Amino acid sequence: MSDPNTPQVPDVPKVPGVPPVSPPSAPAPPPSYGAPIPPPAGGSATPPPPSYGAPANPYESNPYTGTTAKKPPMFSILAMIAGIIGVIGSPIAILPFVGGFLGLLFPVAGVVLGFLGKKREPTARGFWLTGIISGFVGIGLMLLSFGLWALIFAAGSSYDYTY
């Protein structure tokens, strides 16, 4: 039996102990510069980081994905530039023969390059569409300019300057 003078303590269930922790190991030294990075667990190796110096050429193959970079849409960009120059330059053509024929060159180039860009570079829709539309507007303005000059020369030759 138990002694009546000692207090009764209820039975406490035994709690499992925490497993012992191993002491920390020394950290691994960092890899040397340019050394390949070890693959992660269950993954593939990643390419080394780019070295310092000249920037990589964006038109060569991409070392991270293995795909080639997209070429810039040159026909479409040139179409847009030529079309805008044609719209700006067609009303400015003061001399009907020199400025007029030079001013007609840019809108026509904008239309031709725009249709080439539409065929070869369908993803650059904004560029080639701007080149086509502004090229046709420039051609229209240039034809109006030619008609205006024809009216001015025709009216100027019909006056009688005799007194």
C-alpha atoms as a PDB file:
ATOM      1  CA  MET A   1       0.000   0.000   0.000  1.00  0.00           C
ATOM      2  CA  SER A   2       0.907   3.590  -0.165  1.00  0.00           C
ATOM      3  CA  ASP A   3       1.818   5.892   2.579  1.00  0.00           C
ATOM      4  CA  PRO A   4      -0.996   8.277   3.499  1.00  0.00           C
ATOM      5  CA  ASN A   5       1.443  11.127   4.125  1.00  0.00           C
ATOM      6  CA  THR A   6       2.797  11.236   0.515  1.00  0.00           C
ATOM      7  CA  PRO A   7       0.716  13.051  -2.019  1.00  0.00           C
ATOM      8  CA  GLN A   8      -0.716  11.060  -4.852  1.00  0.00           C
ATOM      9  CA  VAL A   9       0.652  11.993  -8.332  1.00  0.00           C
ATOM     10  CA  PRO A  10      -1.378  10.884 -11.332  1.00  0.00           C
ATOM     11  CA  ASP A  11       0.353   8.714 -13.877  1.00  0.00           C
ATOM     12  CA  VAL A  12       1.622  10.785 -16.832  1.00  0.00           C
ATOM     13  CA  PRO A  13       1.942   9.030 -20.152  1.00  0.00           C
ATOM     14  CA  LYS A  14       5.467   8.729 -21.403  1.00  0.00           C
ATOM     15  CA  VAL A  15       6.236  11.147 -24.310  1.00  0.00           C
ATOM     16  CA  PRO A  16       8.614   9.863 -26.965  1.00  0.00           C
ATOM     17  CA  GLY A  17      11.888  11.711 -26.925  1.00  0.00           C
ATOM     18  CA  VAL A  18      13.317  13.853 -29.701  1.00  0.00           C
ATOM     19  CA  PRO A  19      15.886  12.043 -31.822  1.00  0.00           C
ATOM     20  CA  PRO A  20      19.415  13.212 -31.286  1.00  0.00           C
ATOM     21  CA  VAL A  21      20.688  15.843 -33.737  1.00  0.00           C
ATOM     22  CA  SER A  22      23.992  15.249 -35.424  1.00  0.00           C
ATOM     23  CA  PRO A  23      26.510  18.069 -35.169  1.00  0.00           C
ATOM     24  CA  PRO A  24      26.644  20.370 -38.250  1.00  0.00           C
ATOM     25  CA  SER A  25      29.147  19.415 -40.873  1.00  0.00           C
ATOM     26  CA  ALA A  26      31.459  21.876 -42.560  1.00  0.00           C
ATOM     27  CA  PRO A  27      29.863  23.603 -45.593  1.00  0.00           C
ATOM     28  CA  ALA A  28      30.965  22.433 -49.018  1.00  0.00           C
ATOM     29  CA  PRO A  29      33.351  24.819 -50.768  1.00  0.00           C
ATOM     30  CA  PRO A  30      31.736  26.823 -53.604  1.00  0.00           C
ATOM     31  CA  PRO A  31      32.520  25.597 -57.129  1.00  0.00           C
ATOM     32  CA  SER A  32      35.308  27.355 -58.939  1.00  0.00           C
ATOM     33  CA  TYR A  33      34.391  29.936 -61.569  1.00  0.00           C
ATOM     34  CA  GLY A  34      33.343  28.374 -64.854  1.00  0.00           C
ATOM     35  CA  ALA A  35      33.019  24.903 -63.389  1.00  0.00           C
ATOM     36  CA  PRO A  36      29.846  23.045 -64.353  1.00  0.00           C
ATOM     37  CA  ILE A  37      27.126  23.204 -61.750  1.00  0.00           C
ATOM     38  CA  PRO A  38      26.291  19.770 -60.348  1.00  0.00           C
ATOM     39  CA  PRO A  39      22.826  18.571 -61.317  1.00  0.00           C
ATOM     40  CA  PRO A  40      20.078  18.801 -58.732  1.00  0.00           C
ATOM     41  CA  ALA A  41      18.670  15.603 -57.312  1.00  0.00           C
ATOM     42  CA  GLY A  42      16.850  13.818 -60.122  1.00  0.00           C
ATOM     43  CA  GLY A  43      17.451  16.627 -62.651  1.00  0.00           C
ATOM     44  CA  SER A  44      19.768  17.350 -65.528  1.00  0.00           C
ATOM     45  CA  ALA A  45      22.890  19.481 -65.489  1.00  0.00           C
ATOM     46  CA  THR A  46      22.497  23.184 -66.187  1.00  0.00           C
ATOM     47  CA  PRO A  47      24.930  24.991 -68.479  1.00  0.00           C
ATOM     48  CA  PRO A  48      27.623  27.139 -66.900  1.00  0.00           C
ATOM     49  CA  PRO A  49      26.869  30.834 -66.421  1.00  0.00           C
ATOM     50  CA  PRO A  50      27.937  33.139 -69.248  1.00  0.00           C
ATOM     51  CA  SER A  51      31.464  34.439 -68.935  1.00  0.00           C
ATOM     52  CA  TYR A  52      32.362  38.069 -68.667  1.00  0.00           C
ATOM     53  CA  GLY A  53      33.394  39.928 -71.797  1.00  0.00           C
ATOM     54  CA  ALA A  54      31.542  40.548 -75.018  1.00  0.00           C
ATOM     55  CA  PRO A  55      27.776  40.003 -74.832  1.00  0.00           C
ATOM     56  CA  ALA A  56      26.394  36.913 -76.466  1.00  0.00           C
ATOM     57  CA  ASN A  57      25.064  37.233 -79.983  1.00  0.00           C
ATOM     58  CA  PRO A  58      21.237  37.094 -79.746  1.00  0.00           C
ATOM     59  CA  TYR A  59      20.998  35.558 -83.214  1.00  0.00           C
ATOM     60  CA  GLU A  60      22.983  32.443 -82.313  1.00  0.00           C
ATOM     61  CA  SER A  61      21.543  29.425 -80.578  1.00  0.00           C
ATOM     62  CA  ASN A  62      20.426  29.881 -76.999  1.00  0.00           C
ATOM     63  CA  PRO A  63      22.607  27.777 -74.658  1.00  0.00           C
ATOM     64  CA  TYR A  64      19.842  27.479 -72.064  1.00  0.00           C
ATOM     65  CA  THR A  65      17.017  26.229 -74.257  1.00  0.00           C
ATOM     66  CA  GLY A  66      18.862  24.932 -77.302  1.00  0.00           C
ATOM     67  CA  THR A  67      16.645  26.963 -79.636  1.00  0.00           C
ATOM     68  CA  THR A  68      17.731  29.655 -82.022  1.00  0.00           C
ATOM     69  CA  ALA A  69      16.680  33.247 -81.492  1.00  0.00           C
ATOM     70  CA  LYS A  70      14.109  34.758 -83.840  1.00  0.00           C
ATOM     71  CA  LYS A  71      15.376  36.912 -86.665  1.00  0.00           C
ATOM     72  CA  PRO A  72      14.092  40.488 -86.671  1.00  0.00           C
ATOM     73  CA  PRO A  73      11.332  41.158 -89.236  1.00  0.00           C
ATOM     74  CA  MET A  74      13.439  43.311 -91.559  1.00  0.00           C
ATOM     75  CA  PHE A  75      11.032  43.467 -94.522  1.00  0.00           C
ATOM     76  CA  SER A  76       8.211  44.588 -92.273  1.00  0.00           C
ATOM     77  CA  ILE A  77      10.276  47.182 -90.425  1.00  0.00           C
ATOM     78  CA  LEU A  78      11.651  48.612 -93.676  1.00  0.00           C
ATOM     79  CA  ALA A  79       8.117  48.690 -95.118  1.00  0.00           C
ATOM     80  CA  MET A  80       6.886  50.715 -92.172  1.00  0.00           C
ATOM     81  CA  ILE A  81       9.812  53.156 -92.361  1.00  0.00           C
ATOM     82  CA  ALA A  82       9.494  53.622 -96.131  1.00  0.00           C
ATOM     83  CA  GLY A  83       5.721  54.070 -95.908  1.00  0.00           C
ATOM     84  CA  ILE A  84       5.978  56.719 -93.190  1.00  0.00           C
ATOM     85  CA  ILE A  85       8.707  58.589 -95.072  1.00  0.00           C
ATOM     86  CA  GLY A  86       6.509  58.413 -98.165  1.00  0.00           C
ATOM     87  CA  VAL A  87       3.518  59.945 -96.350  1.00  0.00           C
ATOM     88  CA  ILE A  88       5.644  62.697 -94.847  1.00  0.00           C
ATOM     89  CA  GLY A  89       7.583  63.364 -98.045  1.00  0.00           C
ATOM     90  CA  SER A  90       4.789  63.328-100.619  1.00  0.00           C
ATOM     91  CA  PRO A  91       3.132  66.672 -99.770  1.00  0.00           C
ATOM     92  CA  ILE A  92       6.535  68.255 -99.207  1.00  0.00           C
ATOM     93  CA  ALA A  93       7.635  67.539-102.779  1.00  0.00           C
ATOM     94  CA  ILE A  94       7.863  71.138-103.984  1.00  0.00           C
ATOM     95  CA  LEU A  95       9.637  70.408-107.223  1.00  0.00           C
ATOM     96  CA  PRO A  96       7.281  68.293-109.312  1.00  0.00           C
ATOM     97  CA  PHE A  97       9.922  66.372-111.202  1.00  0.00           C
ATOM     98  CA  VAL A  98      12.830  65.893-108.813  1.00  0.00           C
ATOM     99  CA  GLY A  99      10.935  65.793-105.520  1.00  0.00           C
ATOM    100  CA  GLY A 100       7.897  64.121-107.022  1.00  0.00           C
ATOM    101  CA  PHE A 101       9.648  61.097-108.456  1.00  0.00           C
ATOM    102  CA  LEU A 102      11.873  60.715-105.420  1.00  0.00           C
ATOM    103  CA  GLY A 103       8.808  61.076-103.201  1.00  0.00           C
ATOM    104  CA  LEU A 104       7.031  58.342-105.152  1.00  0.00           C
ATOM    105  CA  LEU A 105       9.908  55.931-104.544  1.00  0.00           C
ATOM    106  CA  PHE A 106       9.339  55.615-100.784  1.00  0.00           C
ATOM    107  CA  PRO A 107       5.590  54.888-100.795  1.00  0.00           C
ATOM    108  CA  VAL A 108       5.996  52.284-103.540  1.00  0.00           C
ATOM    109  CA  ALA A 109       8.837  50.691-101.590  1.00  0.00           C
ATOM    110  CA  GLY A 110       6.623  50.681 -98.487  1.00  0.00           C
ATOM    111  CA  VAL A 111       3.856  48.827-100.342  1.00  0.00           C
ATOM    112  CA  VAL A 112       6.202  46.308-101.982  1.00  0.00           C
ATOM    113  CA  LEU A 113       8.142  45.602 -98.792  1.00  0.00           C
ATOM    114  CA  GLY A 114       4.879  45.418 -96.862  1.00  0.00           C
ATOM    115  CA  PHE A 115       3.544  42.657 -99.085  1.00  0.00           C
ATOM    116  CA  LEU A 116       6.885  40.827 -98.907  1.00  0.00           C
ATOM    117  CA  GLY A 117       6.769  41.108 -95.122  1.00  0.00           C
ATOM    118  CA  LYS A 118       3.187  39.827 -95.094  1.00  0.00           C
ATOM    119  CA  LYS A 119       4.245  36.734 -96.987  1.00  0.00           C
ATOM    120  CA  ARG A 120       7.536  36.007 -95.186  1.00  0.00           C
ATOM    121  CA  GLU A 121       6.975  37.439 -91.696  1.00  0.00           C
ATOM    122  CA  PRO A 122       3.329  36.916 -90.725  1.00  0.00           C
ATOM    123  CA  THR A 123       4.015  37.464 -87.011  1.00  0.00           C
ATOM    124  CA  ALA A 124       5.103  41.095 -87.559  1.00  0.00           C
ATOM    125  CA  ARG A 125       1.600  42.112 -88.602  1.00  0.00           C
ATOM    126  CA  GLY A 126       1.727  45.637 -87.166  1.00  0.00           C
ATOM    127  CA  PHE A 127       4.865  46.561 -89.068  1.00  0.00           C
ATOM    128  CA  TRP A 128       3.898  45.311 -92.532  1.00  0.00           C
ATOM    129  CA  LEU A 129       0.316  46.520 -92.194  1.00  0.00           C
ATOM    130  CA  THR A 130       1.558  50.008 -91.313  1.00  0.00           C
ATOM    131  CA  GLY A 131       3.904  49.893 -94.301  1.00  0.00           C
ATOM    132  CA  ILE A 132       1.141  48.861 -96.710  1.00  0.00           C
ATOM    133  CA  ILE A 133      -1.415  51.394 -95.482  1.00  0.00           C
ATOM    134  CA  SER A 134       0.993  54.322 -95.235  1.00  0.00           C
ATOM    135  CA  GLY A 135       2.485  53.381 -98.614  1.00  0.00           C
ATOM    136  CA  PHE A 136      -0.910  53.534-100.313  1.00  0.00           C
ATOM    137  CA  VAL A 137      -1.705  56.829 -98.551  1.00  0.00           C
ATOM    138  CA  GLY A 138       1.648  58.219 -99.721  1.00  0.00           C
ATOM    139  CA  ILE A 139       0.967  57.090-103.300  1.00  0.00           C
ATOM    140  CA  GLY A 140      -2.456  58.757-103.171  1.00  0.00           C
ATOM    141  CA  LEU A 141      -1.008  61.995-101.830  1.00  0.00           C
ATOM    142  CA  MET A 142       1.698  61.946-104.474  1.00  0.00           C
ATOM    143  CA  LEU A 143      -0.855  61.443-107.270  1.00  0.00           C
ATOM    144  CA  LEU A 144      -2.862  64.359-105.876  1.00  0.00           C
ATOM    145  CA  SER A 145       0.336  66.400-105.856  1.00  0.00           C
ATOM    146  CA  PHE A 146       1.013  65.504-109.504  1.00  0.00           C
ATOM    147  CA  GLY A 147      -2.561  66.511-110.422  1.00  0.00           C
ATOM    148  CA  LEU A 148      -2.214  69.809-108.549  1.00  0.00           C
ATOM    149  CA  TRP A 149       1.037  70.606-110.337  1.00  0.00           C
ATOM    150  CA  ALA A 150      -0.537  69.725-113.681  1.00  0.00           C
ATOM    151  CA  LEU A 151      -3.413  72.148-112.968  1.00  0.00           C
ATOM    152  CA  ILE A 152      -1.003  74.885-111.898  1.00  0.00           C
ATOM    153  CA  PHE A 153       1.119  74.522-115.053  1.00  0.00           C
ATOM    154  CA  ALA A 154      -1.934  74.286-117.307  1.00  0.00           C
ATOM    155  CA  ALA A 155      -3.542  77.372-115.795  1.00  0.00           C
ATOM    156  CA  GLY A 156      -0.300  79.334-115.858  1.00  0.00           C
ATOM    157  CA  SER A 157       0.232  78.769-119.564  1.00  0.00           C
ATOM    158  CA  SER A 158      -3.267  79.955-120.529  1.00  0.00           C
ATOM    159  CA  TYR A 159      -2.807  83.533-119.359  1.00  0.00           C
ATOM    160  CA  ASP A 160      -2.136  86.207-121.970  1.00  0.00           C
ATOM    161  CA  TYR A 161       0.697  88.380-120.743  1.00  0.00           C
ATOM    162  CA  THR A 162       0.580  90.903-123.614  1.00  0.00           C
ATOM    163  CA  TYR A 163      -0.336  94.508-122.761  1.00  0.00           C
END
